[in-house]
Protein backbone atom coordinates (compact mmCIF):
# COMPACT_ATOMS: atom_id res chain seq x y z
CA UNK A 1 -11.98 -10.59 -8.59
CA UNK A 2 -10.67 -10.75 -5.02
CA UNK A 3 -12.68 -13.94 -4.42
CA UNK A 4 -11.12 -15.48 -7.54
CA UNK A 5 -7.64 -14.58 -6.28
CA UNK A 6 -8.27 -16.25 -2.91
CA UNK A 7 -9.76 -19.34 -4.58
CA UNK A 8 -6.76 -19.61 -6.90
CA UNK A 9 -4.39 -19.50 -3.94
CA UNK A 10 -5.69 -22.85 -2.73
CA UNK A 11 -3.64 -24.46 -5.50
CA UNK A 12 -0.72 -22.04 -5.98
CA UNK A 13 1.33 -19.55 -3.97
CA UNK A 14 1.34 -16.90 -6.69
CA UNK A 15 -1.35 -15.43 -8.94
CA UNK A 16 -0.68 -13.96 -12.38
CA UNK A 17 -2.94 -10.99 -13.17
CA UNK A 18 -3.19 -9.37 -16.59
CA UNK A 19 -4.60 -5.82 -16.49
CA UNK A 20 -6.30 -4.34 -19.54
CA UNK A 21 -8.23 -1.17 -20.28
CA UNK A 22 -8.64 1.95 -18.15
CA UNK A 23 -6.95 0.62 -14.94
CA UNK A 24 -3.60 0.42 -16.79
CA UNK A 25 -3.42 4.24 -16.76
CA UNK A 26 -2.69 4.10 -13.03
CA UNK A 27 -1.03 0.73 -12.42
CA UNK A 28 0.53 1.96 -9.16
CA UNK A 29 -2.94 2.37 -7.66
CA UNK A 30 -3.97 -1.12 -8.87
CA UNK A 31 -0.89 -2.64 -7.21
CA UNK A 32 -1.53 -0.78 -3.96
CA UNK A 33 -5.19 -1.87 -3.83
CA UNK A 34 -4.33 -5.51 -4.59
CA UNK A 35 -1.65 -5.63 -1.89
CA UNK A 36 -3.97 -3.93 0.59
CA UNK A 37 -7.07 -6.04 -0.04
CA UNK A 38 -5.42 -9.46 -0.43
CA UNK A 39 -2.50 -9.24 1.98
CA UNK A 40 -0.01 -10.37 -0.67
CA UNK A 41 2.98 -8.71 -2.32
CA UNK A 42 3.58 -7.82 -5.96
CA UNK A 43 6.85 -9.60 -6.80
CA UNK A 44 6.85 -9.05 -10.57
CA UNK A 45 5.46 -6.18 -12.60
CA UNK A 46 5.98 -5.68 -16.31
CA UNK A 47 3.78 -3.27 -18.31
CA UNK A 48 0.34 -4.81 -17.59
CA UNK A 49 1.26 -8.19 -16.06
CA UNK A 50 1.41 -8.50 -12.28
CA UNK A 51 2.50 -11.46 -10.18
CA UNK A 52 0.88 -11.42 -6.75
CA UNK A 53 2.67 -13.63 -4.19
CA UNK A 54 1.03 -14.69 -0.96
CA UNK A 55 3.72 -16.89 0.50
CA UNK A 56 3.78 -20.29 2.12
CA UNK A 57 2.37 -18.96 5.41
CA UNK A 58 -0.97 -18.09 3.77
CA UNK A 59 -3.94 -19.76 5.43
CA UNK A 60 -7.11 -19.85 3.33
CA UNK A 61 -9.31 -20.07 6.43
CA UNK A 62 -7.84 -16.86 7.87
CA UNK A 63 -8.10 -14.83 4.66
CA UNK A 64 -9.73 -11.37 4.80
CA UNK A 65 -13.48 -11.76 4.36
CA UNK A 66 -14.97 -9.56 1.65
CA UNK A 67 -18.76 -9.29 1.92
CA UNK A 68 -20.75 -10.06 -1.22
CA UNK A 69 -22.75 -7.22 -2.72
CA UNK A 70 -26.29 -8.56 -2.91
CA UNK A 71 -27.66 -5.23 -4.07
CA UNK A 72 -26.39 -2.57 -6.39
CA UNK A 73 -25.87 0.83 -4.75
CA UNK A 74 -27.23 3.97 -6.37
CA UNK A 75 -24.87 5.61 -8.83
CA UNK A 76 -23.24 8.68 -7.29
CA UNK A 77 -23.88 12.07 -8.83
CA UNK A 78 -20.56 13.42 -10.05
CA UNK A 79 -19.84 17.04 -10.99
CA UNK A 80 -19.86 17.87 -14.68
CA UNK A 81 -16.71 16.59 -16.39
CA UNK A 82 -16.50 19.31 -19.05
CA UNK A 83 -17.46 22.77 -17.82
CA UNK A 84 -19.13 25.28 -20.13
CA UNK A 85 -16.34 27.75 -19.42
CA UNK A 86 -13.03 26.24 -18.29
CA UNK A 87 -11.07 27.88 -15.48
CA UNK A 88 -9.17 30.88 -16.83
CA UNK A 89 -10.82 30.89 -20.28
CA UNK A 90 -13.65 32.84 -21.82
CA UNK A 91 -16.31 31.06 -23.86
CA UNK A 92 -14.81 32.30 -27.15
CA UNK A 93 -11.30 31.15 -26.19
CA UNK A 94 -12.62 27.72 -25.25
CA UNK A 95 -14.54 27.44 -28.53
CA UNK A 96 -11.42 28.43 -30.49
CA UNK A 97 -9.31 25.85 -28.57
CA UNK A 98 -11.89 23.14 -29.24
CA UNK A 99 -11.81 23.85 -32.97
CA UNK A 100 -8.01 23.95 -32.96
CA UNK A 101 -7.87 20.65 -31.06
CA UNK A 102 -10.24 18.94 -33.49
CA UNK A 103 -8.01 20.04 -36.39
CA UNK A 104 -4.86 18.64 -34.74
CA UNK A 105 -3.54 15.21 -35.65
CA UNK A 106 -4.33 12.83 -32.74
CA UNK A 107 -1.47 12.19 -30.33
CA UNK A 108 -2.50 8.53 -29.89
CA UNK A 109 -5.19 6.18 -31.12
CA UNK A 110 -6.53 4.16 -28.20
CA UNK A 111 -8.16 0.75 -28.65
CA UNK A 112 -10.67 -1.14 -26.55
CA UNK A 113 -9.07 -3.18 -23.74
CA UNK A 114 -5.69 -1.78 -24.69
CA UNK A 115 -2.72 -1.13 -22.46
CA UNK A 116 -2.50 2.59 -21.67
CA UNK A 117 0.69 2.56 -19.59
CA UNK A 118 2.52 5.28 -21.54
CA UNK A 119 -0.45 7.61 -22.22
CA UNK A 120 0.19 9.84 -19.19
CA UNK A 121 3.88 10.30 -20.07
CA UNK A 122 3.13 11.03 -23.73
CA UNK A 123 0.47 13.61 -22.84
CA UNK A 124 2.89 15.34 -20.43
CA UNK A 125 5.57 15.43 -23.14
CA UNK A 126 3.10 16.82 -25.67
CA UNK A 127 2.08 19.58 -23.24
CA UNK A 128 5.68 20.82 -23.18
CA UNK A 129 5.33 21.90 -26.83
CA UNK A 130 1.58 22.13 -27.44
CA UNK A 131 -1.21 23.82 -25.55
CA UNK A 132 -3.98 21.45 -26.72
CA UNK A 133 -3.76 17.65 -27.18
CA UNK A 134 -6.19 15.34 -28.97
CA UNK A 135 -6.63 11.62 -28.24
CA UNK A 136 -8.53 9.41 -30.69
CA UNK A 137 -10.81 6.93 -28.89
CA UNK A 138 -12.94 5.75 -31.83
CA UNK A 139 -12.65 2.08 -30.88
CA UNK A 140 -13.14 2.69 -27.14
CA UNK A 141 -16.64 2.92 -25.69
CA UNK A 142 -17.95 6.33 -24.63
CA UNK A 143 -18.00 5.38 -20.93
CA UNK A 144 -14.36 4.21 -21.08
CA UNK A 145 -13.50 7.39 -22.98
CA UNK A 146 -14.84 9.50 -20.11
CA UNK A 147 -13.05 7.34 -17.53
CA UNK A 148 -9.79 7.90 -19.41
CA UNK A 149 -10.45 11.65 -19.40
CA UNK A 150 -11.06 11.68 -15.64
CA UNK A 151 -7.88 9.69 -14.93
CA UNK A 152 -5.82 11.97 -17.19
CA UNK A 153 -7.31 15.06 -15.52
CA UNK A 154 -6.04 13.81 -12.16
CA UNK A 155 -2.70 12.29 -13.23
CA UNK A 156 -1.33 14.78 -15.79
CA UNK A 157 -2.96 17.37 -14.54
CA UNK A 158 -4.94 18.98 -17.35
CA UNK A 159 -8.39 20.32 -18.22
CA UNK A 160 -10.67 18.25 -20.48
CA UNK A 161 -12.31 20.57 -23.00
CA UNK A 162 -14.30 18.24 -25.24
CA UNK A 163 -15.60 14.67 -25.50
CA UNK A 164 -17.19 14.46 -28.94
CA UNK A 165 -17.34 11.66 -31.53
CA UNK A 166 -15.00 9.60 -29.33
CA UNK A 167 -12.33 12.31 -29.35
CA UNK A 168 -10.77 13.69 -26.17
CA UNK A 169 -9.45 17.25 -26.33
CA UNK A 170 -7.24 18.23 -23.37
CA UNK A 171 -5.90 21.66 -22.45
CA UNK A 172 -2.85 22.01 -20.23
CA UNK A 173 -4.31 24.89 -18.20
CA UNK A 174 -3.15 28.39 -17.25
CA UNK A 175 -1.11 27.33 -14.19
CA UNK A 176 0.86 24.88 -16.35
CA UNK A 177 2.05 27.81 -18.49
CA UNK A 178 3.34 29.60 -15.40
CA UNK A 179 5.18 26.50 -14.19
CA UNK A 180 6.90 25.95 -17.56
CA UNK A 181 8.19 29.52 -17.80
CA UNK A 182 9.48 29.50 -14.21
CA UNK A 183 11.27 26.18 -14.72
CA UNK A 184 13.13 27.50 -17.78
CA UNK A 185 14.92 30.24 -15.84
CA UNK A 186 16.53 28.89 -12.72
CA UNK A 187 18.82 31.08 -10.65
CA UNK A 188 22.31 29.71 -10.20
CA UNK A 189 24.25 30.38 -7.04
CA UNK A 190 27.89 29.54 -6.62
CA UNK A 191 29.07 29.11 -3.04
CA UNK A 192 32.81 29.76 -3.10
């Protein structure tokens, strides 16, 4: 992709990039990486469309050189995404939450190559009233479904409980309960 951007800049000063799929969950990170790797600036950003501007002082011969990958590295071994017993839950509590989550109406139905810009905000809002949230990913591949779960775990933060039949069940976690109750009662001090 970076090579395509540099090749396109031979003809134009700006490049229009349309993001789709899992990267749209964290568009800030995509913008940061593009600015860092290409040396340009994002001058326009609307939902999933980015306009990357290099400027008239861009010299194609002095562009950053990105080495080609002539071999595929070994896949890293990641820790298990869904633990048998989540932090702060017993096995029976987790099983009961899974069943309750599967019976809930899905918060959102995600599609393949969709734009997931508002998913993080909607999950955070749902966690203010509900303890368990279900996302329907029937039209998304299983690998993308797990990538979405990992991104949500880091961005919301939450605990993924189940990935089954293209359904994601998320739990807000014990520490989230403590934060909500402490934020409801705030001491007021009047300095007179």
